Structures are given as C-alpha cells and as structure tokens.
Protein backbone atom coordinates (compact mmCIF):
# COMPACT_ATOMS: atom_id res chain seq x y z
CA MET A 1 0.08 0.00 -0.07
CA LEU A 2 1.20 3.56 -1.03
CA ASP A 3 -0.05 6.65 0.46
CA ILE A 4 0.45 9.93 -1.41
CA GLY A 5 -0.40 13.32 0.20
CA LEU A 6 -0.51 16.26 -2.06
CA LEU A 7 1.11 18.84 0.40
CA GLY A 8 0.43 21.80 -2.25
CA SER A 9 -1.09 22.56 -5.63
CA GLY A 10 0.09 25.66 -6.63
CA GLY A 11 3.06 26.88 -8.79
CA GLY A 12 5.10 30.13 -8.80
CA MET A 13 4.19 31.50 -5.48
CA PRO A 14 2.37 30.19 -2.44
CA MET A 15 -1.07 31.63 -2.29
CA PRO A 16 -3.39 32.11 0.74
CA ASN A 17 -5.43 29.02 -0.04
CA ARG A 18 -2.81 26.96 -1.93
CA TYR A 19 0.86 25.83 -1.00
CA LEU A 20 3.61 25.32 -3.54
CA SER A 21 3.55 21.89 -5.68
CA SER A 22 4.67 19.13 -3.53
CA ILE A 23 4.09 15.60 -2.64
CA LEU A 24 4.57 13.28 0.30
CA ILE A 25 5.00 9.40 -0.30
CA ARG A 26 4.28 7.10 2.60
CA TYR A 27 5.35 3.43 2.27
CA ASN A 28 6.32 0.79 5.07
CA GLY A 29 6.63 3.31 7.70
CA ARG A 30 9.06 5.37 5.58
CA LYS A 31 8.55 8.73 3.47
CA ILE A 32 9.77 10.29 0.33
CA LEU A 33 9.23 13.93 -0.31
CA VAL A 34 8.95 15.51 -3.87
CA ASP A 35 9.84 19.01 -4.12
CA CYS A 36 9.93 21.60 -1.06
CA GLY A 37 8.94 25.20 -2.00
CA GLU A 38 8.41 27.77 0.51
CA GLY A 39 5.68 26.85 2.97
CA THR A 40 5.92 23.00 2.22
CA GLN A 41 6.54 22.60 6.12
CA VAL A 42 3.52 24.20 7.19
CA SER A 43 1.36 21.71 4.87
CA MET A 44 3.35 18.65 6.18
CA ARG A 45 2.53 19.83 9.79
CA LEU A 46 -1.23 20.18 8.60
CA LEU A 47 -0.98 16.65 7.16
CA GLY A 48 0.27 15.35 10.09
CA TRP A 49 2.61 12.51 8.92
CA GLY A 50 5.68 13.73 10.74
CA PHE A 51 9.18 14.82 9.71
CA LYS A 52 11.72 12.05 11.20
CA THR A 53 10.93 9.25 8.80
CA ILE A 54 11.92 11.27 5.50
CA ASP A 55 14.45 8.94 3.84
CA ILE A 56 14.43 10.76 0.46
CA ILE A 57 13.82 14.30 -0.88
CA CYS A 58 13.35 13.98 -4.61
CA ILE A 59 13.80 17.49 -6.34
CA THR A 60 12.50 17.96 -10.08
CA HIS A 61 14.40 21.33 -10.37
CA SER A 62 16.08 24.21 -8.80
CA HIS A 63 13.46 26.85 -9.49
CA GLY A 64 12.45 28.30 -5.93
CA ASP A 65 9.11 27.11 -5.86
CA HIS A 66 10.39 23.90 -5.77
CA ILE A 67 13.43 23.99 -3.75
CA ILE A 68 13.34 27.11 -1.28
CA GLY A 69 11.69 25.37 1.54
CA LEU A 70 14.58 22.84 1.66
CA PRO A 71 16.81 24.59 4.48
CA GLY A 72 14.24 24.76 6.92
CA LEU A 73 12.85 21.39 6.40
CA LEU A 74 16.48 20.05 6.72
CA ALA A 75 16.76 21.86 10.13
CA THR A 76 13.27 20.65 11.36
CA ILE A 77 14.24 17.10 10.29
CA GLY A 78 17.32 17.17 12.55
CA ASN A 79 15.17 18.62 15.58
CA SER A 80 13.01 15.73 15.30
CA GLY A 81 15.60 13.54 16.42
CA ARG A 82 16.78 12.04 12.91
CA THR A 83 20.49 10.73 12.95
CA GLU A 84 20.40 8.40 9.81
CA SER A 85 21.73 9.69 6.66
CA LEU A 86 19.07 11.12 4.22
CA ASN A 87 19.23 11.18 0.31
CA ILE A 88 18.55 14.17 -1.73
CA ILE A 89 18.09 13.23 -5.45
CA GLY A 90 17.89 15.83 -8.04
CA PRO A 91 19.02 16.97 -11.90
CA LYS A 92 22.26 18.16 -13.13
CA GLY A 93 23.63 20.65 -10.90
CA ILE A 94 21.58 19.76 -7.98
CA GLU A 95 24.59 19.42 -5.55
CA TYR A 96 25.77 23.04 -6.20
CA VAL A 97 22.25 24.07 -5.46
CA VAL A 98 21.86 22.27 -2.00
CA ASP A 99 25.41 23.12 -1.04
CA GLY A 100 24.37 26.84 -1.35
CA LEU A 101 21.08 26.42 0.60
CA ARG A 102 22.94 24.36 3.25
CA ARG A 103 24.94 27.70 3.99
CA VAL A 104 22.06 28.44 6.60
CA VAL A 105 21.97 25.02 7.86
CA PRO A 106 25.63 23.96 8.09
CA TYR A 107 25.23 21.62 11.35
CA LEU A 108 22.92 18.80 10.94
CA PRO A 109 23.07 15.65 13.28
CA TYR A 110 22.70 13.42 10.30
CA ASP A 111 24.52 13.01 6.87
CA ILE A 112 23.27 13.87 3.58
CA ASN A 113 24.05 12.03 0.43
CA ILE A 114 23.17 13.92 -2.80
CA ILE A 115 22.58 11.86 -5.80
CA GLU A 116 22.56 13.80 -9.38
CA ASN A 117 20.66 13.15 -12.21
CA PRO A 118 20.33 9.15 -11.66
CA LYS A 119 18.41 7.08 -14.54
CA GLN A 120 17.37 4.32 -11.96
CA LEU A 121 17.75 3.53 -8.59
CA THR A 122 16.63 -0.07 -7.13
CA ASN A 123 15.26 -1.13 -3.87
CA ILE A 124 15.74 2.69 -2.49
CA ILE A 125 13.18 1.99 0.20
CA GLY A 126 12.40 -1.97 0.55
CA ASP A 127 11.45 -2.99 -2.73
CA MET A 128 10.77 0.20 -4.24
CA ASP A 129 12.53 1.59 -7.37
CA ILE A 130 12.84 5.08 -8.76
CA GLU A 131 13.33 6.06 -12.42
CA THR A 132 13.69 9.48 -13.79
CA LEU A 133 13.32 11.03 -17.15
CA GLU A 134 14.96 14.42 -18.39
CA LEU A 135 12.15 17.04 -19.00
CA ASP A 136 11.87 20.34 -21.34
CA HIS A 137 11.90 23.42 -18.84
CA SER A 138 14.10 26.44 -18.72
CA THR A 139 16.42 24.79 -16.20
CA PRO A 140 17.65 21.14 -15.70
CA CYS A 141 14.43 19.19 -14.72
CA ILE A 142 13.37 15.81 -14.08
CA GLY A 143 10.30 13.87 -13.73
CA TYR A 144 10.05 10.69 -11.27
CA SER A 145 8.52 7.20 -11.64
CA PHE A 146 8.00 5.28 -8.51
CA TYR A 147 7.47 1.41 -8.77
CA VAL A 148 6.81 -0.88 -5.82
CA ASN A 149 7.52 -4.42 -7.07
CA ARG A 150 5.43 -7.13 -5.70
CA LYS A 151 6.83 -10.50 -4.73
CA PRO A 152 5.22 -13.58 -6.71
CA GLU A 153 2.83 -15.61 -5.00
CA PHE A 154 3.89 -18.48 -2.81
CA LYS A 155 2.55 -21.53 -4.06
CA VAL A 156 2.26 -24.27 -1.21
CA GLU A 157 1.35 -27.07 -3.62
CA LYS A 158 4.55 -26.15 -5.71
CA ALA A 159 6.66 -26.45 -2.64
CA ILE A 160 5.00 -29.73 -1.76
CA LYS A 161 5.40 -31.03 -5.35
CA ASN A 162 9.00 -29.94 -5.27
CA LYS A 163 9.91 -31.89 -1.94
CA VAL A 164 10.72 -28.39 -0.49
CA PRO A 165 11.44 -28.65 3.37
CA LYS A 166 8.94 -26.31 5.10
CA GLU A 167 12.08 -24.74 7.19
CA ILE A 168 13.20 -22.87 4.24
CA TRP A 169 9.93 -21.93 2.63
CA LYS A 170 10.17 -18.34 3.83
CA LYS A 171 13.71 -17.64 2.79
CA LEU A 172 12.93 -19.07 -0.65
CA GLN A 173 9.86 -16.64 -0.70
CA ASP A 174 12.05 -13.68 0.21
CA GLY A 175 14.44 -14.83 -3.11
CA GLU A 176 17.11 -16.31 -1.65
CA ILE A 177 18.88 -19.62 -2.84
CA ILE A 178 19.47 -22.13 -0.05
CA ASN A 179 21.55 -25.32 0.29
CA TYR A 180 20.08 -27.41 2.61
CA SER A 181 20.95 -31.05 3.72
CA GLY A 182 23.27 -31.20 0.59
CA LYS A 183 20.72 -29.77 -1.99
CA GLU A 184 20.18 -26.62 -3.63
CA TYR A 185 16.67 -24.98 -3.63
CA LYS A 186 15.80 -22.04 -5.60
CA PRO A 187 12.89 -19.55 -5.15
CA ASP A 188 11.06 -20.78 -8.64
CA MET A 189 10.66 -24.01 -6.75
CA VAL A 190 7.76 -22.31 -4.72
CA LEU A 191 6.84 -19.32 -6.19
CA GLY A 192 4.27 -18.50 -8.74
CA SER A 193 4.43 -15.89 -11.80
CA LYS A 194 5.42 -12.58 -11.44
CA ARG A 195 3.03 -10.13 -10.17
CA LYS A 196 2.03 -6.43 -11.10
CA GLY A 197 3.18 -3.69 -8.74
CA ILE A 198 2.14 -0.28 -7.92
CA LYS A 199 3.49 2.61 -10.06
CA LEU A 200 3.54 6.57 -9.36
CA SER A 201 4.47 8.91 -11.75
CA TYR A 202 5.21 12.63 -11.19
CA ILE A 203 5.81 15.30 -14.01
CA THR A 204 6.70 18.79 -13.46
CA ASP A 205 7.55 21.46 -14.82
CA THR A 206 7.79 20.86 -18.61
CA ARG A 207 6.42 21.14 -22.10
CA PRO A 208 5.07 17.77 -23.37
CA VAL A 209 8.04 15.66 -24.60
CA ASP A 210 7.58 12.26 -26.68
CA LYS A 211 9.03 10.18 -24.02
CA ILE A 212 6.63 10.91 -21.17
CA PRO A 213 3.80 8.65 -22.34
CA GLU A 214 6.29 5.74 -22.07
CA PHE A 215 7.58 6.77 -18.80
CA ILE A 216 4.23 7.14 -17.24
CA TYR A 217 3.06 3.93 -18.98
CA GLU A 218 0.22 2.04 -16.86
CA SER A 219 0.77 4.11 -14.04
CA ASP A 220 -1.89 3.84 -11.20
CA LEU A 221 -1.76 7.52 -10.37
CA PHE A 222 0.02 10.14 -12.74
CA ILE A 223 0.57 13.39 -11.06
CA CYS A 224 0.96 16.19 -13.44
CA GLU A 225 1.53 19.82 -13.74
CA GLY A 226 -1.50 21.86 -15.30
CA THR A 227 0.02 25.26 -15.01
CA TYR A 228 -2.70 26.71 -17.27
CA GLY A 229 -6.38 25.71 -17.33
CA ASN A 230 -7.61 27.97 -20.24
CA GLU A 231 -6.69 26.73 -23.71
CA ASN A 232 -6.30 30.37 -24.58
CA ASP A 233 -3.11 30.31 -22.57
CA LEU A 234 -1.27 27.63 -24.81
CA ASP A 235 0.97 30.39 -25.99
CA LYS A 236 2.05 31.26 -22.46
CA ALA A 237 2.56 27.70 -21.77
CA ILE A 238 4.92 27.41 -24.56
CA ARG A 239 6.59 30.53 -23.71
CA ASN A 240 7.29 29.65 -20.01
CA LYS A 241 7.73 25.99 -20.84
CA HIS A 242 4.64 24.52 -19.01
CA MET A 243 1.34 22.72 -19.81
CA THR A 244 -2.10 23.11 -20.01
CA PHE A 245 -4.82 20.65 -18.69
CA SER A 246 -5.53 19.48 -22.25
CA GLU A 247 -1.91 18.62 -22.74
CA ALA A 248 -1.44 16.77 -19.62
CA ALA A 249 -4.77 14.90 -20.40
CA LYS A 250 -3.33 13.81 -23.76
CA LEU A 251 -0.25 12.33 -21.78
CA ALA A 252 -2.37 10.49 -19.57
CA LYS A 253 -4.35 8.98 -22.35
CA ASN A 254 -1.40 8.06 -24.37
CA GLY A 255 0.42 6.53 -21.39
CA TYR A 256 -2.74 4.42 -20.31
CA VAL A 257 -2.68 5.66 -16.74
CA LYS A 258 -5.47 4.74 -14.23
CA LYS A 259 -5.90 8.08 -13.22
CA LEU A 260 -4.74 11.69 -13.54
CA LEU A 261 -4.13 14.32 -10.89
CA LEU A 262 -3.61 17.65 -11.86
CA THR A 263 -1.22 20.07 -9.69
CA HIS A 264 0.87 23.18 -10.03
CA PHE A 265 -1.84 25.81 -10.74
CA SER A 266 -0.79 29.13 -11.70
CA PRO A 267 -1.40 31.90 -9.12
CA SER A 268 -3.81 33.51 -11.66
CA ILE A 269 -6.21 30.55 -11.57
CA GLU A 270 -8.78 31.03 -8.46
CA ASP A 271 -10.50 27.74 -8.95
CA PRO A 272 -8.99 25.28 -11.39
CA ASN A 273 -12.26 23.29 -11.23
CA ILE A 274 -13.63 25.88 -13.68
CA TYR A 275 -11.15 24.20 -16.39
CA LYS A 276 -11.61 20.55 -15.48
CA VAL A 277 -13.86 19.98 -18.33
CA ASN A 278 -10.78 20.48 -20.69
CA ALA A 279 -8.93 17.69 -19.36
CA LYS A 280 -11.93 15.26 -18.63
CA ASN A 281 -13.12 15.66 -22.33
CA ILE A 282 -9.85 13.98 -23.18
CA PHE A 283 -8.95 11.68 -20.20
CA LEU A 284 -12.15 10.93 -18.13
CA ASN A 285 -10.57 10.01 -14.71
CA THR A 286 -9.03 13.15 -13.93
CA ILE A 287 -9.25 14.75 -10.62
CA ILE A 288 -7.95 18.53 -9.40
CA GLY A 289 -5.52 18.65 -6.80
CA LYS A 290 -6.23 20.41 -3.80
CA ASP A 291 -4.12 20.84 -0.74
CA ARG A 292 -3.50 17.98 1.30
CA LEU A 293 -5.80 15.40 -0.89
CA VAL A 294 -4.67 11.82 0.09
CA GLU A 295 -4.56 9.15 -2.56
CA THR A 296 -4.06 5.32 -1.57
CA LEU A 297 -2.69 2.91 -4.21
CA ASN A 298 -3.18 -0.91 -3.56
CA PHE A 299 -1.90 -3.93 -5.44
CA THR A 300 -4.66 -4.91 -7.94
CA GLU A 301 -4.14 -8.46 -8.63
C-alpha cells in the first residue's frame, strides 16, 4: 500500500489557499518527499505524517517554488531527532544548489547524500525502485516514476510437489537460494508467476515531450502539472515551458494511466475546477488537486 499526500497544488508562489506543488509519499513506515517549495513544512504539519522518517527528498528542478523550503525542512528533520543519513536526488547541478542552500543550516545531526541525475535506483526503500526522465523546462528538470515491486505468490502445492522442506519456505519466498541438507533450492521451486506492482509517476515542470507516455505507462496514478487551465493560454504555456490541462490529459491518455491528478496551478487561476472539463473531455478519470488531498494505491491483483 502506497499513500500519497498532495502537500501543495500551486506553482510560482504560495497563495493563501494553496501551497506550492509538492507531494509526500508514505510506504512501509518510511517517507519520500518530492519538491520542497516555500511553505512546504506548514502543509506537512497540517497533514500530520511527521518529519523524522523522511529518507529521500526528490527535487525536480532548482526553481525557487520547488526548493526554497529545503533549508528549513532539513533543520526541522534534525530537530525531530533523526541521525540516519538522508538522500537528496535531483537533476544536473543539484549538488551545487543544495550546497548553497545549506549555508544557513551547516550543522545537522545526520549526513546528506546527494545523487545527481540518476536514471534508475533500485530498492531505494525496501522493494521500491525510482526512475527519472529528463524534461523540457527552462532549467535542468527531471520527472520521477516510483515502482513498488510485488513478490510472486507463494505456492504451497508447488513447494510440496518439489519436496521443499518447510523450514526454508520463508527464505525462498524472500528470493534467497538455499543449500539445505546437501541440496540446492531456488525461489522458483515455491513461487508463482510475477505480479504487477504499484506505479506512481510525477511530472512537473515541462512542455510535453515524446518520452513521457512511455515513462508513465500504466501508472496507477499520474500526477502532472496543469499550470494553465484555459486553452487560450497555450502560447503562454509554450513560452514559459509549462502545460495546459488538455496537454496533461493527452499524456495520461497516451500513457494508459489509471488516474490523472492535476497540480501546479498558476497563481492566476482562482478555481482550477472551472477548467476541469478541458482535461476530462480527453481523459475522463481526471481529478483536480487540492492541498492535502490523499490518494492510496493498493496492489490490484
């Protein structure tokens, strides 16, 4: 089970009713934060999921509305009693930016590991993998895909048929190869076929690029920027390297995702629901993001 809390649904600047675009992912008691603009901590406090167990902070790019809140958050995590190291992932140049921001929080009770522009990270939290995709924005920017692998089903009848001792069933189920009483036993002697996991994809800020549909393919939830809701703002979206609602919906449709969650709304949009039809006409299962909206993803098979 994967819980996703939309901490903020705004872009550009925080508004009285809308914090800056950021999500918090909760999985197996640990957490991943994606982006950390000004005011992120306030929304985190309101959500109530805590700070100490944030193991990874993923930054899409270094514009202020996605990273300015980082120094204060790092200090708060330290004040929460954390001593374990923390990973910060980001695009090219993220190490330089984080080093600059850390000048105001030079002393922390935990180490920070910076991972710059990775393509794939496996088993980053338990059995979760992370992939990234370079996007088209006015500064280096990456999208993220989070995939929770699901273990194949344990088949009792298969274990019995292969005469596998019960004492080693659990280890084989966990993927180990076991030598027991002079004989080698492999996981496929007790396991069924591979099962689909859980996929979450997050894309902001960017123009639509050809590789996005493949990158988000069959996501259970696709969180995407919808900076502009009005179709008349397409020229503005192109100029500022952002997307309209309809462009995000086309990506969702072409990527065969299950659900689209729009976020990162321009400060000029008072109520993004007014433009919801522009997305739903293309991709029906579209929802408009709002601060502290929570979505839960479960294994489906």
